[in-house]
Each structure stands twice: as structure tokens, then as C-alpha cells.
C-alpha atoms as a PDB file:
ATOM      1  CA  MET A   1    -209.866 362.235  -8.981  1.00  0.00           C
ATOM      2  CA  PRO A   2    -207.655 359.588 -10.589  1.00  0.00           C
ATOM      3  CA  ARG A   3    -208.917 357.845 -13.655  1.00  0.00           C
ATOM      4  CA  LYS A   4    -209.767 354.139 -13.349  1.00  0.00           C
ATOM      5  CA  LYS A   5    -207.668 351.978 -15.631  1.00  0.00           C
ATOM      6  CA  LYS A   6    -209.343 349.697 -18.078  1.00  0.00           C
ATOM      7  CA  ARG A   7    -208.381 346.061 -17.987  1.00  0.00           C
ATOM      8  CA  GLY A   8    -205.139 345.586 -19.878  1.00  0.00           C
ATOM      9  CA  GLN A   9    -204.368 349.327 -19.924  1.00  0.00           C
ATOM     10  CA  PHE A  10    -200.933 350.377 -18.645  1.00  0.00           C
ATOM     11  CA  ASP A  11    -199.620 353.907 -18.016  1.00  0.00           C
ATOM     12  CA  ASP A  12    -195.981 353.045 -18.468  1.00  0.00           C
ATOM     13  CA  TYR A  13    -193.515 350.224 -18.981  1.00  0.00           C
ATOM     14  CA  ASP A  14    -193.245 349.496 -15.225  1.00  0.00           C
ATOM     15  CA  ASP A  15    -197.000 348.845 -14.992  1.00  0.00           C
ATOM     16  CA  TRP A  16    -196.788 346.476 -17.918  1.00  0.00           C
ATOM     17  CA  GLN A  17    -193.725 344.697 -16.533  1.00  0.00           C
ATOM     18  CA  ASP A  18    -195.353 344.167 -13.114  1.00  0.00           C
ATOM     19  CA  ALA A  19    -198.588 342.714 -14.544  1.00  0.00           C
ATOM     20  CA  PRO A  20    -199.072 338.993 -13.781  1.00  0.00           C
ATOM     21  CA  THR A  21    -198.654 336.560 -16.645  1.00  0.00           C
ATOM     22  CA  ALA A  22    -199.990 333.075 -17.161  1.00  0.00           C
ATOM     23  CA  ASP A  23    -196.718 331.702 -15.780  1.00  0.00           C
ATOM     24  CA  ASP A  24    -197.208 333.618 -12.516  1.00  0.00           C
ATOM     25  CA  VAL A  25    -200.656 332.227 -11.815  1.00  0.00           C
ATOM     26  CA  GLN A  26    -200.462 328.975  -9.846  1.00  0.00           C
ATOM     27  CA  PRO A  27    -203.127 326.346 -10.531  1.00  0.00           C
ATOM     28  CA  GLU A  28    -205.567 325.991  -7.699  1.00  0.00           C
ATOM     29  CA  GLN A  29    -205.298 322.925  -5.563  1.00  0.00           C
ATOM     30  CA  GLU A  30    -207.477 320.033  -6.566  1.00  0.00           C
ATOM     31  CA  VAL A  31    -210.830 320.457  -4.875  1.00  0.00           C
ATOM     32  CA  GLU A  32    -212.575 317.247  -3.907  1.00  0.00           C
ATOM     33  CA  LYS A  33    -215.782 316.877  -5.858  1.00  0.00           C
ATOM     34  CA  VAL A  34    -218.950 316.272  -3.921  1.00  0.00           C
ATOM     35  CA  SER A  35    -220.927 313.238  -5.003  1.00  0.00           C
ATOM     36  CA  LEU A  36    -224.352 311.862  -4.226  1.00  0.00           C
ATOM     37  CA  GLU A  37    -222.789 309.180  -2.029  1.00  0.00           C
ATOM     38  CA  ASP A  38    -221.591 311.927   0.323  1.00  0.00           C
ATOM     39  CA  PHE A  39    -225.216 312.711   1.191  1.00  0.00           C
ATOM     40  CA  CYS A  40    -226.346 309.116   1.730  1.00  0.00           C
ATOM     41  CA  VAL A  41    -226.222 307.725   5.242  1.00  0.00           C
ATOM     42  CA  MET A  42    -226.029 303.961   4.897  1.00  0.00           C
ATOM     43  CA  GLU A  43    -226.713 303.547   8.619  1.00  0.00           C
ATOM     44  CA  LYS A  44    -230.330 304.383   7.723  1.00  0.00           C
ATOM     45  CA  VAL A  45    -230.427 301.179   5.668  1.00  0.00           C
ATOM     46  CA  ASP A  46    -229.021 299.257   8.643  1.00  0.00           C
ATOM     47  CA  ALA A  47    -231.697 300.758  10.887  1.00  0.00           C
ATOM     48  CA  PHE A  48    -234.415 299.870   8.357  1.00  0.00           C
ATOM     49  CA  THR A  49    -233.203 296.270   8.093  1.00  0.00           C
ATOM     50  CA  ALA A  50    -233.033 296.029  11.885  1.00  0.00           C
ATOM     51  CA  ALA A  51    -236.685 297.107  12.124  1.00  0.00           C
ATOM     52  CA  TYR A  52    -238.070 295.266   9.061  1.00  0.00           C
ATOM     53  CA  GLN A  53    -237.472 292.035   7.224  1.00  0.00           C
ATOM     54  CA  PRO A  54    -238.296 291.304   3.589  1.00  0.00           C
ATOM     55  CA  CYS A  55    -241.514 289.443   2.846  1.00  0.00           C
ATOM     56  CA  ASP A  56    -244.083 288.735   0.140  1.00  0.00           C
ATOM     57  CA  GLU A  57    -247.312 290.588  -0.498  1.00  0.00           C
ATOM     58  CA  ASP A  58    -249.501 287.922   1.111  1.00  0.00           C
ATOM     59  CA  THR A  59    -247.511 287.696   4.362  1.00  0.00           C
ATOM     60  CA  ASP A  60    -249.503 288.611   7.489  1.00  0.00           C
ATOM     61  CA  GLY A  61    -248.588 292.117   8.670  1.00  0.00           C
ATOM     62  CA  ALA A  62    -246.824 293.038   5.431  1.00  0.00           C
ATOM     63  CA  GLU A  63    -246.342 296.759   4.892  1.00  0.00           C
ATOM     64  CA  PHE A  64    -245.881 298.291   1.468  1.00  0.00           C
ATOM     65  CA  PHE A  65    -243.163 300.914   1.021  1.00  0.00           C
ATOM     66  CA  ASP A  66    -243.630 302.782  -2.245  1.00  0.00           C
ATOM     67  CA  ASP A  67    -241.129 305.412  -3.300  1.00  0.00           C
ATOM     68  CA  SER A  68    -242.842 308.238  -1.399  1.00  0.00           C
ATOM     69  CA  ARG A  69    -242.906 306.253   1.836  1.00  0.00           C
ATOM     70  CA  LEU A  70    -239.292 305.143   1.382  1.00  0.00           C
ATOM     71  CA  ARG A  71    -238.294 308.775   0.798  1.00  0.00           C
ATOM     72  CA  GLU A  72    -240.068 309.754   4.002  1.00  0.00           C
ATOM     73  CA  VAL A  73    -238.570 306.949   6.097  1.00  0.00           C
ATOM     74  CA  LEU A  74    -235.014 307.317   4.753  1.00  0.00           C
ATOM     75  CA  LYS A  75    -235.192 311.114   4.239  1.00  0.00           C
ATOM     76  CA  ALA A  76    -234.015 310.501   0.665  1.00  0.00           C
ATOM     77  CA  TYR A  77    -235.182 313.582  -1.175  1.00  0.00           C
ATOM     78  CA  VAL A  78    -233.944 314.576  -4.621  1.00  0.00           C
ATOM     79  CA  CYS A  79    -231.139 317.139  -4.521  1.00  0.00           C
ATOM     80  CA  GLY A  80    -229.005 318.925  -7.077  1.00  0.00           C
ATOM     81  CA  LEU A  81    -226.657 315.949  -7.353  1.00  0.00           C
ATOM     82  CA  GLY A  82    -229.396 313.426  -8.131  1.00  0.00           C
ATOM     83  CA  ASP A  83    -231.742 311.031  -6.407  1.00  0.00           C
ATOM     84  CA  PRO A  84    -230.315 309.351  -3.293  1.00  0.00           C
ATOM     85  CA  LEU A  85    -233.240 306.918  -3.185  1.00  0.00           C
ATOM     86  CA  LYS A  86    -231.709 304.832  -5.949  1.00  0.00           C
ATOM     87  CA  LEU A  87    -228.600 304.291  -3.800  1.00  0.00           C
ATOM     88  CA  TYR A  88    -230.732 303.313  -0.813  1.00  0.00           C
ATOM     89  CA  ILE A  89    -232.821 300.904  -2.913  1.00  0.00           C
ATOM     90  CA  ARG A  90    -229.644 299.329  -4.301  1.00  0.00           C
ATOM     91  CA  GLU A  91    -228.346 298.823  -0.755  1.00  0.00           C
ATOM     92  CA  LEU A  92    -231.708 297.407   0.395  1.00  0.00           C
ATOM     93  CA  ALA A  93    -231.616 294.960  -2.528  1.00  0.00           C
ATOM     94  CA  VAL A  94    -228.275 293.674  -1.261  1.00  0.00           C
ATOM     95  CA  LYS A  95    -229.968 293.056   2.108  1.00  0.00           C
ATOM     96  CA  GLY A  96    -232.756 291.008   0.467  1.00  0.00           C
ATOM     97  CA  PHE A  97    -235.457 293.646  -0.062  1.00  0.00           C
ATOM     98  CA  ARG A  98    -236.665 293.652  -3.656  1.00  0.00           C
ATOM     99  CA  MET A  99    -238.928 295.969  -5.584  1.00  0.00           C
ATOM    100  CA  THR A 100    -242.220 294.392  -6.672  1.00  0.00           C
ATOM    101  CA  MET A 101    -245.478 295.689  -8.049  1.00  0.00           C
ATOM    102  CA  ASN A 102    -248.397 296.206  -5.702  1.00  0.00           C
ATOM    103  CA  THR A 103    -251.330 294.318  -7.222  1.00  0.00           C
ATOM    104  CA  ILE A 104    -253.883 296.827  -5.899  1.00  0.00           C
ATOM    105  CA  THR A 105    -252.266 300.174  -6.738  1.00  0.00           C
ATOM    106  CA  CYS A 106    -249.949 298.942  -9.544  1.00  0.00           C
ATOM    107  CA  GLU A 107    -247.048 300.877  -8.004  1.00  0.00           C
ATOM    108  CA  PRO A 108    -243.543 299.512  -7.523  1.00  0.00           C
ATOM    109  CA  GLY A 109    -242.377 299.197  -3.953  1.00  0.00           C
ATOM    110  CA  ILE A 110    -240.933 296.990  -1.249  1.00  0.00           C
ATOM    111  CA  TYR A 111    -242.908 294.660   0.990  1.00  0.00           C
ATOM    112  CA  ALA A 112    -241.596 294.344   4.525  1.00  0.00           C
ATOM    113  CA  VAL A 113    -242.850 293.049   7.822  1.00  0.00           C
ATOM    114  CA  ARG A 114    -241.834 294.544  11.160  1.00  0.00           C
ATOM    115  CA  ARG A 115    -239.419 292.523  13.314  1.00  0.00           C
ATOM    116  CA  TYR A 116    -240.452 291.970  16.909  1.00  0.00           C
END
């Protein structure tokens, strides 16, 4: 049974001459890095704004969307790359939805009323 060579061990000059060097190794092609934005579907924000409009706490029919409800509606769960909810909230702020404190529960969230 032939003996297994240790790394860097050569039997003769030909083995040593044929071994790859740093000059022989080609750098790998640039791999595109995955970012949190790749997992965010901004069409969900468009769908939310088509169904709801921003309002104040004392508006009739106002619904309160805290972070857990926003995560459920937008399917924005924390992943290894970060929290996609912050990107969705930023995009909702551009559309006029702003985070405010709920006076009853003292939680931050967004007030919205359904469009009919």
C-alpha cells in the first residue's frame, strides 16, 4: 500500500517542480455580496400603502401597527444579514407613515386607516 504524502513533502525533484506556486493560482472571480436589500421586496410597501393611508391616533377606524404586526404583515423577520423591518419603515416614512408612540401601550408604531 503506497504511503500518503504529507503536505509539502516531495519524493523527487519532478514532484517539487510540478507543485503549484502562488503565481499559478488565479484569483477567484469577484463574487457579488448579498445585502439586506436583496431580501426586501419593496412591492410589499406599495401594497401596504394601497390598502392603508397614514392617520393620527384619534382618527376613526385607525389601526395601530407595532413592530410585531408590521413584521407579520410585511414578512420582515430578522435574518443573518440584519433586520429588514428598518428598511421597510424607512420606505413607509417616505410614503407619509411615521412612527409614533401609542398612548395606551407606550409602544412605538404606525397609525393607519384602511382605504375603501
